[in-house]
Amino acid sequence: MQSDPMPDANQRAPSYTKHMIKILIADEEARIRRGVRMRLLLEPDFVVVGETNDGWEVLQLVRDFQPDVVVMSIRLQGLDGLSVTERLARDFSHCAVVILSLYDDLATQEQSARVGAVAFVSKQKPDGELIAAIRAAYSHTGKDVE
């Protein structure tokens, strides 16, 4: 998990935002995690609750921090992202998964959907697609969206 402190949701939430979308980032590369985190923190209703490069740690962090959405790579240390997604879909239905991957072929997208990911975004796409996918994934959690 990253060493720099995460901002407190109460410090970041503007007065017009009722709900913060809690996000966990899981990617094998630190520079990708850092870039994704920096971009997500520009959104007034997003808060990053943690990040990791290890699939087994994703499961622990979901238990500990109860994120609404996990942005996850397929390639992770320990347990791969598709296996983690399948476990999250089975055991943590309150948490939606957005797969963020370099492998954006149709077979990989279909496999991601089969194991329970609610969205798939290529790492080569503009960051606006990831933002839209996170918001759409959050709507799958059944929590209020405003």
N, C-alpha and C. Protein backbone atom coordinates (compact mmCIF):
# COMPACT_ATOMS: atom_id res chain seq x y z
N MET A 1 0.85 -1.18 0.00
CA MET A 1 0.00 0.00 0.00
C MET A 1 0.89 1.23 0.00
N GLN A 2 0.38 2.30 -0.51
CA GLN A 2 1.18 3.51 -0.64
C GLN A 2 1.53 4.09 0.72
N SER A 3 2.60 4.86 0.74
CA SER A 3 3.05 5.42 2.01
C SER A 3 2.57 6.84 2.25
N ASP A 4 2.23 7.59 1.17
CA ASP A 4 1.78 8.96 1.43
C ASP A 4 0.33 8.95 1.91
N PRO A 5 0.01 9.85 2.84
CA PRO A 5 -1.32 9.84 3.43
C PRO A 5 -2.39 10.21 2.41
N MET A 6 -3.56 9.60 2.57
CA MET A 6 -4.68 9.88 1.70
C MET A 6 -5.47 11.05 2.31
N PRO A 7 -6.03 11.92 1.49
CA PRO A 7 -6.81 13.02 2.04
C PRO A 7 -8.08 12.50 2.71
N ASP A 8 -8.46 13.15 3.76
CA ASP A 8 -9.69 12.80 4.46
C ASP A 8 -10.87 13.25 3.62
N ALA A 9 -11.86 12.37 3.47
CA ALA A 9 -13.03 12.68 2.64
C ALA A 9 -13.73 13.95 3.12
N ASN A 10 -13.77 14.18 4.41
CA ASN A 10 -14.44 15.36 4.93
C ASN A 10 -13.69 16.65 4.56
N GLN A 11 -12.38 16.56 4.40
CA GLN A 11 -11.59 17.72 4.01
C GLN A 11 -11.78 18.05 2.54
N ARG A 12 -12.04 17.03 1.72
CA ARG A 12 -12.14 17.22 0.28
C ARG A 12 -13.56 17.49 -0.20
N ALA A 13 -14.55 17.10 0.55
CA ALA A 13 -15.93 17.16 0.07
C ALA A 13 -16.43 18.60 0.02
N PRO A 14 -16.73 19.10 -1.18
CA PRO A 14 -17.32 20.42 -1.25
C PRO A 14 -18.73 20.38 -0.68
N SER A 15 -19.23 21.53 -0.31
CA SER A 15 -20.53 21.59 0.35
C SER A 15 -21.67 21.07 -0.51
N TYR A 16 -21.53 21.11 -1.84
CA TYR A 16 -22.62 20.65 -2.70
C TYR A 16 -22.58 19.15 -2.95
N THR A 17 -21.55 18.45 -2.51
CA THR A 17 -21.43 17.02 -2.73
C THR A 17 -21.98 16.27 -1.54
N LYS A 18 -23.01 15.47 -1.77
CA LYS A 18 -23.60 14.70 -0.69
C LYS A 18 -22.85 13.39 -0.45
N HIS A 19 -22.43 12.73 -1.53
CA HIS A 19 -21.80 11.41 -1.41
C HIS A 19 -20.42 11.42 -2.04
N MET A 20 -19.45 10.88 -1.32
CA MET A 20 -18.13 10.67 -1.87
C MET A 20 -18.06 9.23 -2.39
N ILE A 21 -17.50 9.05 -3.56
CA ILE A 21 -17.31 7.72 -4.12
C ILE A 21 -15.92 7.26 -3.68
N LYS A 22 -15.90 6.21 -2.85
CA LYS A 22 -14.64 5.68 -2.32
C LYS A 22 -14.05 4.69 -3.32
N ILE A 23 -12.79 4.93 -3.68
CA ILE A 23 -12.15 4.16 -4.74
C ILE A 23 -10.85 3.54 -4.25
N LEU A 24 -10.64 2.28 -4.61
CA LEU A 24 -9.39 1.57 -4.36
C LEU A 24 -8.74 1.34 -5.72
N ILE A 25 -7.43 1.61 -5.83
CA ILE A 25 -6.70 1.43 -7.07
C ILE A 25 -5.77 0.23 -6.93
N ALA A 26 -5.85 -0.70 -7.90
CA ALA A 26 -4.97 -1.87 -7.90
C ALA A 26 -4.32 -1.99 -9.27
N ASP A 27 -3.01 -1.76 -9.30
CA ASP A 27 -2.26 -1.87 -10.55
C ASP A 27 -0.85 -2.31 -10.22
N GLU A 28 -0.24 -3.08 -11.12
CA GLU A 28 1.09 -3.60 -10.86
C GLU A 28 2.17 -2.54 -10.89
N GLU A 29 1.91 -1.40 -11.54
CA GLU A 29 2.93 -0.37 -11.68
C GLU A 29 2.63 0.85 -10.81
N ALA A 30 3.60 1.25 -10.00
CA ALA A 30 3.44 2.40 -9.10
C ALA A 30 3.13 3.68 -9.88
N ARG A 31 3.77 3.87 -11.03
CA ARG A 31 3.54 5.12 -11.79
C ARG A 31 2.12 5.18 -12.33
N ILE A 32 1.54 4.04 -12.69
CA ILE A 32 0.15 4.01 -13.15
C ILE A 32 -0.77 4.33 -11.98
N ARG A 33 -0.53 3.70 -10.84
CA ARG A 33 -1.36 3.98 -9.65
C ARG A 33 -1.30 5.46 -9.29
N ARG A 34 -0.10 6.02 -9.31
CA ARG A 34 0.08 7.43 -8.96
C ARG A 34 -0.67 8.33 -9.95
N GLY A 35 -0.55 8.06 -11.24
CA GLY A 35 -1.24 8.86 -12.26
C GLY A 35 -2.74 8.76 -12.14
N VAL A 36 -3.24 7.55 -11.92
CA VAL A 36 -4.69 7.37 -11.76
C VAL A 36 -5.17 8.10 -10.51
N ARG A 37 -4.44 7.94 -9.41
CA ARG A 37 -4.83 8.62 -8.17
C ARG A 37 -4.87 10.13 -8.35
N MET A 38 -3.83 10.69 -8.97
CA MET A 38 -3.78 12.13 -9.16
C MET A 38 -4.97 12.61 -10.00
N ARG A 39 -5.31 11.85 -11.04
CA ARG A 39 -6.44 12.26 -11.89
C ARG A 39 -7.76 12.13 -11.15
N LEU A 40 -7.95 11.04 -10.41
CA LEU A 40 -9.22 10.83 -9.71
C LEU A 40 -9.44 11.87 -8.62
N LEU A 41 -8.37 12.31 -7.99
CA LEU A 41 -8.52 13.29 -6.91
C LEU A 41 -8.91 14.68 -7.41
N LEU A 42 -8.90 14.88 -8.73
CA LEU A 42 -9.40 16.13 -9.29
C LEU A 42 -10.93 16.19 -9.29
N GLU A 43 -11.56 15.04 -9.13
CA GLU A 43 -13.02 14.98 -9.11
C GLU A 43 -13.51 15.30 -7.70
N PRO A 44 -14.46 16.22 -7.55
CA PRO A 44 -14.89 16.65 -6.22
C PRO A 44 -15.61 15.58 -5.40
N ASP A 45 -16.12 14.55 -6.05
CA ASP A 45 -16.86 13.52 -5.33
C ASP A 45 -16.11 12.19 -5.26
N PHE A 46 -14.83 12.17 -5.60
CA PHE A 46 -14.02 10.96 -5.52
C PHE A 46 -13.04 11.08 -4.36
N VAL A 47 -12.85 9.98 -3.65
CA VAL A 47 -11.78 9.89 -2.66
C VAL A 47 -11.12 8.52 -2.84
N VAL A 48 -9.79 8.52 -2.93
CA VAL A 48 -9.03 7.28 -3.07
C VAL A 48 -8.70 6.80 -1.66
N VAL A 49 -9.22 5.62 -1.31
CA VAL A 49 -9.03 5.11 0.05
C VAL A 49 -7.81 4.22 0.19
N GLY A 50 -7.22 3.83 -0.93
CA GLY A 50 -6.01 3.00 -0.87
C GLY A 50 -5.59 2.57 -2.24
N GLU A 51 -4.40 1.97 -2.28
CA GLU A 51 -3.88 1.43 -3.53
C GLU A 51 -2.90 0.32 -3.23
N THR A 52 -2.75 -0.58 -4.20
CA THR A 52 -1.87 -1.73 -4.04
C THR A 52 -1.48 -2.29 -5.40
N ASN A 53 -0.46 -3.14 -5.38
CA ASN A 53 -0.07 -3.86 -6.59
C ASN A 53 -0.30 -5.36 -6.43
N ASP A 54 -0.94 -5.77 -5.34
CA ASP A 54 -1.09 -7.18 -4.98
C ASP A 54 -2.56 -7.59 -4.89
N GLY A 55 -2.92 -8.64 -5.61
CA GLY A 55 -4.31 -9.10 -5.62
C GLY A 55 -4.83 -9.56 -4.27
N TRP A 56 -3.99 -10.24 -3.51
CA TRP A 56 -4.43 -10.67 -2.18
C TRP A 56 -4.69 -9.46 -1.28
N GLU A 57 -3.85 -8.44 -1.42
CA GLU A 57 -4.03 -7.24 -0.60
C GLU A 57 -5.31 -6.49 -0.99
N VAL A 58 -5.71 -6.57 -2.26
CA VAL A 58 -6.98 -5.95 -2.67
C VAL A 58 -8.11 -6.49 -1.79
N LEU A 59 -8.15 -7.80 -1.62
CA LEU A 59 -9.23 -8.41 -0.82
C LEU A 59 -9.22 -7.88 0.62
N GLN A 60 -8.02 -7.75 1.19
CA GLN A 60 -7.91 -7.22 2.56
C GLN A 60 -8.32 -5.75 2.62
N LEU A 61 -7.88 -4.95 1.65
CA LEU A 61 -8.22 -3.53 1.64
C LEU A 61 -9.72 -3.31 1.43
N VAL A 62 -10.35 -4.16 0.65
CA VAL A 62 -11.81 -4.04 0.48
C VAL A 62 -12.50 -4.32 1.80
N ARG A 63 -12.02 -5.33 2.52
CA ARG A 63 -12.60 -5.60 3.86
C ARG A 63 -12.40 -4.41 4.80
N ASP A 64 -11.20 -3.85 4.79
CA ASP A 64 -10.85 -2.78 5.72
C ASP A 64 -11.51 -1.44 5.40
N PHE A 65 -11.53 -1.06 4.11
CA PHE A 65 -11.95 0.29 3.74
C PHE A 65 -13.30 0.38 3.05
N GLN A 66 -13.90 -0.76 2.69
CA GLN A 66 -15.23 -0.78 2.08
C GLN A 66 -15.36 0.20 0.91
N PRO A 67 -14.48 0.12 -0.09
CA PRO A 67 -14.61 1.05 -1.23
C PRO A 67 -15.88 0.75 -2.02
N ASP A 68 -16.36 1.76 -2.72
CA ASP A 68 -17.51 1.59 -3.60
C ASP A 68 -17.08 0.98 -4.92
N VAL A 69 -15.90 1.39 -5.39
CA VAL A 69 -15.39 0.96 -6.69
C VAL A 69 -13.91 0.60 -6.55
N VAL A 70 -13.53 -0.51 -7.20
CA VAL A 70 -12.12 -0.87 -7.32
C VAL A 70 -11.74 -0.70 -8.78
N VAL A 71 -10.72 0.11 -9.05
CA VAL A 71 -10.16 0.25 -10.38
C VAL A 71 -8.97 -0.70 -10.41
N MET A 72 -9.08 -1.76 -11.25
CA MET A 72 -8.14 -2.86 -11.14
C MET A 72 -7.54 -3.28 -12.48
N SER A 73 -6.25 -3.49 -12.46
CA SER A 73 -5.53 -4.06 -13.60
C SER A 73 -5.72 -5.58 -13.58
N ILE A 74 -5.54 -6.19 -14.73
CA ILE A 74 -5.59 -7.65 -14.79
C ILE A 74 -4.32 -8.25 -14.21
N ARG A 75 -3.20 -7.61 -14.49
CA ARG A 75 -1.92 -8.11 -13.98
C ARG A 75 -1.63 -7.51 -12.62
N LEU A 76 -1.58 -8.37 -11.61
CA LEU A 76 -1.24 -7.99 -10.24
C LEU A 76 -0.31 -9.04 -9.67
N GLN A 77 0.43 -8.68 -8.65
CA GLN A 77 1.23 -9.68 -7.92
C GLN A 77 0.27 -10.55 -7.13
N GLY A 78 0.71 -11.73 -6.79
CA GLY A 78 -0.10 -12.62 -5.97
C GLY A 78 -1.26 -13.20 -6.76
N LEU A 79 -2.42 -12.66 -6.58
CA LEU A 79 -3.65 -13.11 -7.25
C LEU A 79 -3.96 -12.14 -8.38
N ASP A 80 -4.21 -12.66 -9.59
CA ASP A 80 -4.45 -11.78 -10.73
C ASP A 80 -5.79 -11.04 -10.61
N GLY A 81 -5.92 -9.95 -11.36
CA GLY A 81 -7.08 -9.08 -11.27
C GLY A 81 -8.40 -9.75 -11.61
N LEU A 82 -8.41 -10.69 -12.55
CA LEU A 82 -9.66 -11.36 -12.90
C LEU A 82 -10.12 -12.28 -11.77
N SER A 83 -9.17 -12.97 -11.13
CA SER A 83 -9.52 -13.82 -9.98
C SER A 83 -10.02 -12.98 -8.82
N VAL A 84 -9.38 -11.83 -8.60
CA VAL A 84 -9.82 -10.92 -7.53
C VAL A 84 -11.23 -10.41 -7.84
N THR A 85 -11.47 -10.04 -9.08
CA THR A 85 -12.78 -9.54 -9.49
C THR A 85 -13.86 -10.58 -9.22
N GLU A 86 -13.58 -11.81 -9.56
CA GLU A 86 -14.55 -12.90 -9.34
C GLU A 86 -14.86 -13.05 -7.85
N ARG A 87 -13.85 -12.98 -7.01
CA ARG A 87 -14.06 -13.09 -5.55
C ARG A 87 -14.84 -11.89 -5.01
N LEU A 88 -14.51 -10.70 -5.52
CA LEU A 88 -15.23 -9.50 -5.06
C LEU A 88 -16.70 -9.57 -5.46
N ALA A 89 -16.97 -9.99 -6.69
CA ALA A 89 -18.36 -10.09 -7.15
C ALA A 89 -19.14 -11.09 -6.30
N ARG A 90 -18.49 -12.14 -5.86
CA ARG A 90 -19.14 -13.17 -5.05
C ARG A 90 -19.28 -12.75 -3.58
N ASP A 91 -18.24 -12.17 -3.01
CA ASP A 91 -18.19 -11.94 -1.56
C ASP A 91 -18.43 -10.50 -1.12
N PHE A 92 -18.32 -9.53 -2.04
CA PHE A 92 -18.44 -8.11 -1.68
C PHE A 92 -19.32 -7.41 -2.71
N SER A 93 -20.58 -7.73 -2.73
CA SER A 93 -21.48 -7.19 -3.76
C SER A 93 -21.65 -5.67 -3.67
N HIS A 94 -21.27 -5.08 -2.54
CA HIS A 94 -21.36 -3.62 -2.37
C HIS A 94 -20.26 -2.89 -3.15
N CYS A 95 -19.33 -3.64 -3.70
CA CYS A 95 -18.15 -3.06 -4.34
C CYS A 95 -18.15 -3.43 -5.83
N ALA A 96 -18.11 -2.42 -6.70
CA ALA A 96 -18.08 -2.65 -8.15
C ALA A 96 -16.64 -2.59 -8.64
N VAL A 97 -16.35 -3.34 -9.70
CA VAL A 97 -15.00 -3.38 -10.26
C VAL A 97 -14.99 -2.80 -11.67
N VAL A 98 -14.03 -1.90 -11.89
CA VAL A 98 -13.73 -1.38 -13.22
C VAL A 98 -12.35 -1.92 -13.58
N ILE A 99 -12.29 -2.72 -14.64
CA ILE A 99 -10.99 -3.22 -15.10
C ILE A 99 -10.34 -2.14 -15.96
N LEU A 100 -9.09 -1.83 -15.64
CA LEU A 100 -8.28 -0.87 -16.39
C LEU A 100 -7.08 -1.65 -16.91
N SER A 101 -7.02 -1.87 -18.24
CA SER A 101 -6.03 -2.79 -18.76
C SER A 101 -5.43 -2.35 -20.08
N LEU A 102 -4.19 -2.75 -20.32
CA LEU A 102 -3.55 -2.58 -21.62
C LEU A 102 -4.14 -3.56 -22.63
N TYR A 103 -4.59 -4.70 -22.13
CA TYR A 103 -5.14 -5.76 -22.98
C TYR A 103 -6.61 -5.45 -23.22
N ASP A 104 -6.91 -4.81 -24.37
CA ASP A 104 -8.28 -4.37 -24.60
C ASP A 104 -8.96 -5.12 -25.75
N ASP A 105 -8.52 -6.35 -25.98
CA ASP A 105 -9.16 -7.16 -27.01
C ASP A 105 -10.53 -7.65 -26.52
N LEU A 106 -11.36 -8.06 -27.45
CA LEU A 106 -12.73 -8.47 -27.14
C LEU A 106 -12.77 -9.65 -26.16
N ALA A 107 -11.88 -10.62 -26.32
CA ALA A 107 -11.86 -11.78 -25.43
C ALA A 107 -11.59 -11.37 -23.98
N THR A 108 -10.66 -10.45 -23.78
CA THR A 108 -10.34 -9.98 -22.43
C THR A 108 -11.52 -9.21 -21.84
N GLN A 109 -12.16 -8.38 -22.66
CA GLN A 109 -13.33 -7.64 -22.20
C GLN A 109 -14.46 -8.59 -21.80
N GLU A 110 -14.70 -9.61 -22.61
CA GLU A 110 -15.75 -10.58 -22.29
C GLU A 110 -15.43 -11.37 -21.04
N GLN A 111 -14.17 -11.77 -20.88
CA GLN A 111 -13.77 -12.49 -19.68
C GLN A 111 -13.93 -11.62 -18.44
N SER A 112 -13.61 -10.35 -18.55
CA SER A 112 -13.78 -9.42 -17.43
C SER A 112 -15.24 -9.33 -17.02
N ALA A 113 -16.12 -9.23 -18.00
CA ALA A 113 -17.55 -9.17 -17.70
C ALA A 113 -18.03 -10.49 -17.08
N ARG A 114 -17.54 -11.60 -17.59
CA ARG A 114 -17.96 -12.92 -17.07
C ARG A 114 -17.62 -13.09 -15.59
N VAL A 115 -16.48 -12.56 -15.16
CA VAL A 115 -16.08 -12.74 -13.75
C VAL A 115 -16.68 -11.68 -12.84
N GLY A 116 -17.40 -10.68 -13.42
CA GLY A 116 -18.11 -9.75 -12.57
C GLY A 116 -17.74 -8.29 -12.66
N ALA A 117 -16.82 -7.92 -13.53
CA ALA A 117 -16.48 -6.49 -13.69
C ALA A 117 -17.68 -5.78 -14.32
N VAL A 118 -17.99 -4.60 -13.83
CA VAL A 118 -19.13 -3.85 -14.38
C VAL A 118 -18.71 -2.91 -15.49
N ALA A 119 -17.39 -2.70 -15.65
CA ALA A 119 -16.90 -1.85 -16.73
C ALA A 119 -15.47 -2.26 -17.07
N PHE A 120 -15.08 -1.93 -18.30
CA PHE A 120 -13.74 -2.21 -18.79
C PHE A 120 -13.25 -0.97 -19.52
N VAL A 121 -12.06 -0.50 -19.17
CA VAL A 121 -11.48 0.68 -19.81
C VAL A 121 -10.05 0.35 -20.21
N SER A 122 -9.71 0.66 -21.45
CA SER A 122 -8.34 0.48 -21.92
C SER A 122 -7.46 1.58 -21.34
N LYS A 123 -6.24 1.23 -20.98
CA LYS A 123 -5.29 2.23 -20.48
C LYS A 123 -4.91 3.24 -21.55
N GLN A 124 -5.19 2.93 -22.81
CA GLN A 124 -4.87 3.85 -23.89
C GLN A 124 -5.97 4.86 -24.16
N LYS A 125 -7.11 4.72 -23.51
CA LYS A 125 -8.24 5.64 -23.73
C LYS A 125 -8.05 6.91 -22.90
N PRO A 126 -8.73 7.98 -23.28
CA PRO A 126 -8.66 9.22 -22.49
C PRO A 126 -9.20 8.99 -21.08
N ASP A 127 -8.65 9.77 -20.13
CA ASP A 127 -9.05 9.58 -18.73
C ASP A 127 -10.53 9.85 -18.48
N GLY A 128 -11.17 10.59 -19.35
CA GLY A 128 -12.61 10.84 -19.20
C GLY A 128 -13.42 9.56 -19.25
N GLU A 129 -12.93 8.57 -19.99
CA GLU A 129 -13.64 7.28 -20.06
C GLU A 129 -13.55 6.55 -18.72
N LEU A 130 -12.42 6.65 -18.06
CA LEU A 130 -12.29 6.03 -16.74
C LEU A 130 -13.22 6.71 -15.74
N ILE A 131 -13.27 8.03 -15.77
CA ILE A 131 -14.15 8.78 -14.86
C ILE A 131 -15.60 8.36 -15.07
N ALA A 132 -16.02 8.30 -16.33
CA ALA A 132 -17.40 7.89 -16.65
C ALA A 132 -17.66 6.46 -16.21
N ALA A 133 -16.68 5.58 -16.39
CA ALA A 133 -16.85 4.18 -15.99
C ALA A 133 -16.97 4.05 -14.48
N ILE A 134 -16.22 4.83 -13.73
CA ILE A 134 -16.31 4.80 -12.26
C ILE A 134 -17.69 5.27 -11.82
N ARG A 135 -18.18 6.34 -12.41
CA ARG A 135 -19.52 6.83 -12.04
C ARG A 135 -20.59 5.79 -12.39
N ALA A 136 -20.46 5.15 -13.55
CA ALA A 136 -21.43 4.11 -13.94
C ALA A 136 -21.32 2.92 -12.99
N ALA A 137 -20.11 2.54 -12.63
CA ALA A 137 -19.92 1.42 -11.70
C ALA A 137 -20.53 1.74 -10.34
N TYR A 138 -20.36 2.97 -9.89
CA TYR A 138 -20.94 3.38 -8.61
C TYR A 138 -22.46 3.24 -8.63
N SER A 139 -23.07 3.52 -9.76
CA SER A 139 -24.53 3.38 -9.85
C SER A 139 -24.95 1.92 -9.71
N HIS A 140 -24.05 0.97 -10.02
CA HIS A 140 -24.35 -0.46 -9.85
C HIS A 140 -24.33 -0.89 -8.39
N THR A 141 -23.75 -0.07 -7.52
CA THR A 141 -23.67 -0.45 -6.11
C THR A 141 -25.00 -0.25 -5.39
N GLY A 142 -25.92 0.47 -6.02
CA GLY A 142 -27.22 0.72 -5.39
C GLY A 142 -27.21 1.86 -4.40
N LYS A 143 -26.10 2.56 -4.31
CA LYS A 143 -26.04 3.71 -3.41
C LYS A 143 -26.56 4.93 -4.11
N ASP A 144 -26.98 5.92 -3.37
CA ASP A 144 -27.53 7.14 -3.96
C ASP A 144 -26.48 7.88 -4.75
N VAL A 145 -26.87 8.36 -5.92
CA VAL A 145 -25.99 9.16 -6.75
C VAL A 145 -26.66 10.50 -6.95
N GLU A 146 -25.94 11.58 -6.67
CA GLU A 146 -26.47 12.92 -6.89
C GLU A 146 -25.50 13.74 -7.68
